[in-house]
C-alpha atoms as a PDB file:
ATOM      1  CA  UNK A   1     -84.576 -17.416 118.114  1.00  0.00           C
ATOM      2  CA  UNK A   2     -86.370 -20.717 118.548  1.00  0.00           C
ATOM      3  CA  UNK A   3     -85.139 -23.535 116.333  1.00  0.00           C
ATOM      4  CA  UNK A   4     -86.220 -27.135 116.002  1.00  0.00           C
ATOM      5  CA  UNK A   5     -83.895 -28.919 113.588  1.00  0.00           C
ATOM      6  CA  UNK A   6     -84.688 -32.461 112.510  1.00  0.00           C
ATOM      7  CA  UNK A   7     -82.204 -34.910 111.039  1.00  0.00           C
ATOM      8  CA  UNK A   8     -81.765 -38.620 110.475  1.00  0.00           C
ATOM      9  CA  UNK A   9     -84.176 -39.234 107.648  1.00  0.00           C
ATOM     10  CA  UNK A  10     -83.279 -41.149 104.525  1.00  0.00           C
ATOM     11  CA  UNK A  11     -84.100 -43.947 102.131  1.00  0.00           C
ATOM     12  CA  UNK A  12     -84.462 -47.365 103.743  1.00  0.00           C
ATOM     13  CA  UNK A  13     -85.856 -50.727 102.739  1.00  0.00           C
ATOM     14  CA  UNK A  14     -89.005 -52.084 104.317  1.00  0.00           C
ATOM     15  CA  UNK A  15     -88.214 -53.767 107.604  1.00  0.00           C
ATOM     16  CA  UNK A  16     -85.323 -51.445 108.297  1.00  0.00           C
ATOM     17  CA  UNK A  17     -84.818 -48.891 111.038  1.00  0.00           C
ATOM     18  CA  UNK A  18     -84.013 -45.217 111.414  1.00  0.00           C
ATOM     19  CA  UNK A  19     -83.457 -42.873 114.319  1.00  0.00           C
ATOM     20  CA  UNK A  20     -84.668 -39.328 113.838  1.00  0.00           C
ATOM     21  CA  UNK A  21     -83.331 -36.469 115.918  1.00  0.00           C
ATOM     22  CA  UNK A  22     -84.658 -33.002 116.707  1.00  0.00           C
ATOM     23  CA  UNK A  23     -82.229 -30.487 118.169  1.00  0.00           C
ATOM     24  CA  UNK A  24     -84.012 -27.754 120.099  1.00  0.00           C
ATOM     25  CA  UNK A  25     -82.611 -24.311 120.827  1.00  0.00           C
ATOM     26  CA  UNK A  26     -83.883 -20.919 121.910  1.00  0.00           C
ATOM     27  CA  UNK A  27     -86.508 -22.291 124.292  1.00  0.00           C
ATOM     28  CA  UNK A  28     -86.518 -24.265 127.515  1.00  0.00           C
ATOM     29  CA  UNK A  29     -86.396 -28.021 126.919  1.00  0.00           C
ATOM     30  CA  UNK A  30     -86.690 -29.819 130.250  1.00  0.00           C
ATOM     31  CA  UNK A  31     -90.284 -30.760 131.099  1.00  0.00           C
ATOM     32  CA  UNK A  32     -91.461 -29.452 127.727  1.00  0.00           C
ATOM     33  CA  UNK A  33     -94.086 -31.382 125.752  1.00  0.00           C
ATOM     34  CA  UNK A  34     -92.437 -32.578 122.551  1.00  0.00           C
ATOM     35  CA  UNK A  35     -94.130 -34.320 119.674  1.00  0.00           C
ATOM     36  CA  UNK A  36     -93.475 -35.939 116.323  1.00  0.00           C
ATOM     37  CA  UNK A  37     -95.824 -35.544 113.396  1.00  0.00           C
ATOM     38  CA  UNK A  38     -95.588 -36.757 109.818  1.00  0.00           C
ATOM     39  CA  UNK A  39     -97.044 -35.804 106.467  1.00  0.00           C
ATOM     40  CA  UNK A  40     -97.211 -38.149 103.523  1.00  0.00           C
ATOM     41  CA  UNK A  41     -97.677 -36.818  99.971  1.00  0.00           C
ATOM     42  CA  UNK A  42    -101.285 -35.783  99.412  1.00  0.00           C
ATOM     43  CA  UNK A  43    -102.203 -36.338 103.053  1.00  0.00           C
ATOM     44  CA  UNK A  44    -102.747 -34.075 106.012  1.00  0.00           C
ATOM     45  CA  UNK A  45    -100.110 -33.854 108.713  1.00  0.00           C
ATOM     46  CA  UNK A  46    -100.773 -36.513 111.323  1.00  0.00           C
ATOM     47  CA  UNK A  47     -99.768 -37.040 114.921  1.00  0.00           C
ATOM     48  CA  UNK A  48     -97.172 -39.734 115.588  1.00  0.00           C
ATOM     49  CA  UNK A  49     -95.951 -39.563 119.191  1.00  0.00           C
ATOM     50  CA  UNK A  50     -95.641 -37.378 122.286  1.00  0.00           C
ATOM     51  CA  UNK A  51     -93.239 -37.086 125.200  1.00  0.00           C
ATOM     52  CA  UNK A  52     -94.836 -35.061 127.982  1.00  0.00           C
ATOM     53  CA  UNK A  53     -91.541 -34.045 129.590  1.00  0.00           C
ATOM     54  CA  UNK A  54     -92.239 -36.019 132.774  1.00  0.00           C
ATOM     55  CA  UNK A  55     -91.584 -39.534 131.534  1.00  0.00           C
ATOM     56  CA  UNK A  56     -94.922 -40.082 129.886  1.00  0.00           C
ATOM     57  CA  UNK A  57     -95.262 -41.065 126.251  1.00  0.00           C
ATOM     58  CA  UNK A  58     -98.117 -41.588 123.848  1.00  0.00           C
ATOM     59  CA  UNK A  59     -98.313 -43.008 120.337  1.00  0.00           C
ATOM     60  CA  UNK A  60    -100.653 -43.080 117.402  1.00  0.00           C
ATOM     61  CA  UNK A  61    -102.196 -46.519 116.988  1.00  0.00           C
ATOM     62  CA  UNK A  62    -100.537 -46.903 113.591  1.00  0.00           C
ATOM     63  CA  UNK A  63     -97.037 -46.789 115.090  1.00  0.00           C
ATOM     64  CA  UNK A  64     -97.436 -48.446 118.479  1.00  0.00           C
ATOM     65  CA  UNK A  65     -94.884 -51.167 119.047  1.00  0.00           C
ATOM     66  CA  UNK A  66     -92.634 -49.952 116.220  1.00  0.00           C
ATOM     67  CA  UNK A  67     -91.812 -46.337 117.128  1.00  0.00           C
ATOM     68  CA  UNK A  68     -90.190 -45.119 120.336  1.00  0.00           C
ATOM     69  CA  UNK A  69     -89.973 -41.472 121.359  1.00  0.00           C
ATOM     70  CA  UNK A  70     -87.260 -40.408 123.780  1.00  0.00           C
ATOM     71  CA  UNK A  71     -85.266 -37.355 124.779  1.00  0.00           C
ATOM     72  CA  UNK A  72     -81.859 -36.214 125.952  1.00  0.00           C
ATOM     73  CA  UNK A  73     -82.442 -33.257 128.244  1.00  0.00           C
ATOM     74  CA  UNK A  74     -78.743 -32.499 128.630  1.00  0.00           C
ATOM     75  CA  UNK A  75     -78.182 -32.052 124.903  1.00  0.00           C
ATOM     76  CA  UNK A  76     -81.719 -30.822 124.184  1.00  0.00           C
ATOM     77  CA  UNK A  77     -82.492 -33.515 121.616  1.00  0.00           C
ATOM     78  CA  UNK A  78     -85.739 -35.328 120.924  1.00  0.00           C
ATOM     79  CA  UNK A  79     -85.494 -38.729 119.252  1.00  0.00           C
ATOM     80  CA  UNK A  80     -87.795 -41.015 117.331  1.00  0.00           C
ATOM     81  CA  UNK A  81     -86.593 -44.582 116.883  1.00  0.00           C
ATOM     82  CA  UNK A  82     -88.445 -46.177 113.990  1.00  0.00           C
ATOM     83  CA  UNK A  83     -88.264 -49.943 113.567  1.00  0.00           C
ATOM     84  CA  UNK A  84     -89.896 -52.399 111.171  1.00  0.00           C
ATOM     85  CA  UNK A  85     -90.413 -49.626 108.633  1.00  0.00           C
ATOM     86  CA  UNK A  86     -93.234 -49.999 106.141  1.00  0.00           C
ATOM     87  CA  UNK A  87     -93.748 -48.230 102.807  1.00  0.00           C
ATOM     88  CA  UNK A  88     -96.737 -46.435 104.367  1.00  0.00           C
ATOM     89  CA  UNK A  89     -94.340 -44.803 106.837  1.00  0.00           C
ATOM     90  CA  UNK A  90     -92.964 -42.746 103.949  1.00  0.00           C
ATOM     91  CA  UNK A  91     -93.459 -39.105 104.909  1.00  0.00           C
ATOM     92  CA  UNK A  92     -91.801 -35.931 106.041  1.00  0.00           C
ATOM     93  CA  UNK A  93     -91.379 -36.173 109.816  1.00  0.00           C
ATOM     94  CA  UNK A  94     -91.703 -33.010 111.873  1.00  0.00           C
ATOM     95  CA  UNK A  95     -90.734 -32.098 115.398  1.00  0.00           C
ATOM     96  CA  UNK A  96     -93.288 -29.965 117.251  1.00  0.00           C
ATOM     97  CA  UNK A  97     -93.729 -28.410 120.658  1.00  0.00           C
ATOM     98  CA  UNK A  98     -96.559 -26.783 122.524  1.00  0.00           C
ATOM     99  CA  UNK A  99     -97.952 -24.518 123.828  1.00  0.00           C
ATOM    100  CA  UNK A 100     -96.146 -22.135 121.484  1.00  0.00           C
ATOM    101  CA  UNK A 101     -96.764 -24.319 118.407  1.00  0.00           C
ATOM    102  CA  UNK A 102     -93.182 -24.358 117.156  1.00  0.00           C
ATOM    103  CA  UNK A 103     -92.340 -26.629 114.210  1.00  0.00           C
ATOM    104  CA  UNK A 104     -89.149 -27.869 112.649  1.00  0.00           C
ATOM    105  CA  UNK A 105     -88.530 -27.951 108.915  1.00  0.00           C
ATOM    106  CA  UNK A 106     -88.943 -31.712 108.683  1.00  0.00           C
ATOM    107  CA  UNK A 107     -86.838 -34.662 107.603  1.00  0.00           C
ATOM    108  CA  UNK A 108     -87.810 -36.993 104.765  1.00  0.00           C
ATOM    109  CA  UNK A 109     -88.227 -40.698 105.406  1.00  0.00           C
ATOM    110  CA  UNK A 110     -88.701 -42.891 102.347  1.00  0.00           C
ATOM    111  CA  UNK A 111     -89.326 -46.611 102.687  1.00  0.00           C
ATOM    112  CA  UNK A 112     -88.942 -48.818  99.632  1.00  0.00           C
ATOM    113  CA  UNK A 113     -90.783 -52.104  99.302  1.00  0.00           C
END
């Protein structure tokens, strides 16, 4: 059974930081494309960042310079370090992988002004 389990969300003041984690099981992890998405209330789910499994990363323009995606292949964990949080970063953050289109259940990030 494939599972992507996010954790690390919470309530934080603007300017603060969080590190989100996504523990992956039931599917190969090394060299796998892993992504973070987010969905704010009333909005569509949007792309945040990608790790291509070979050292390459990509970010949405709205998070460049503040968010860092990384991975621990030994422990099968995907991370998202979020710095300089803004109220507009408030959303449920999801872990995602392709090509199978597996999603986690999400972790809530709430940023207060």
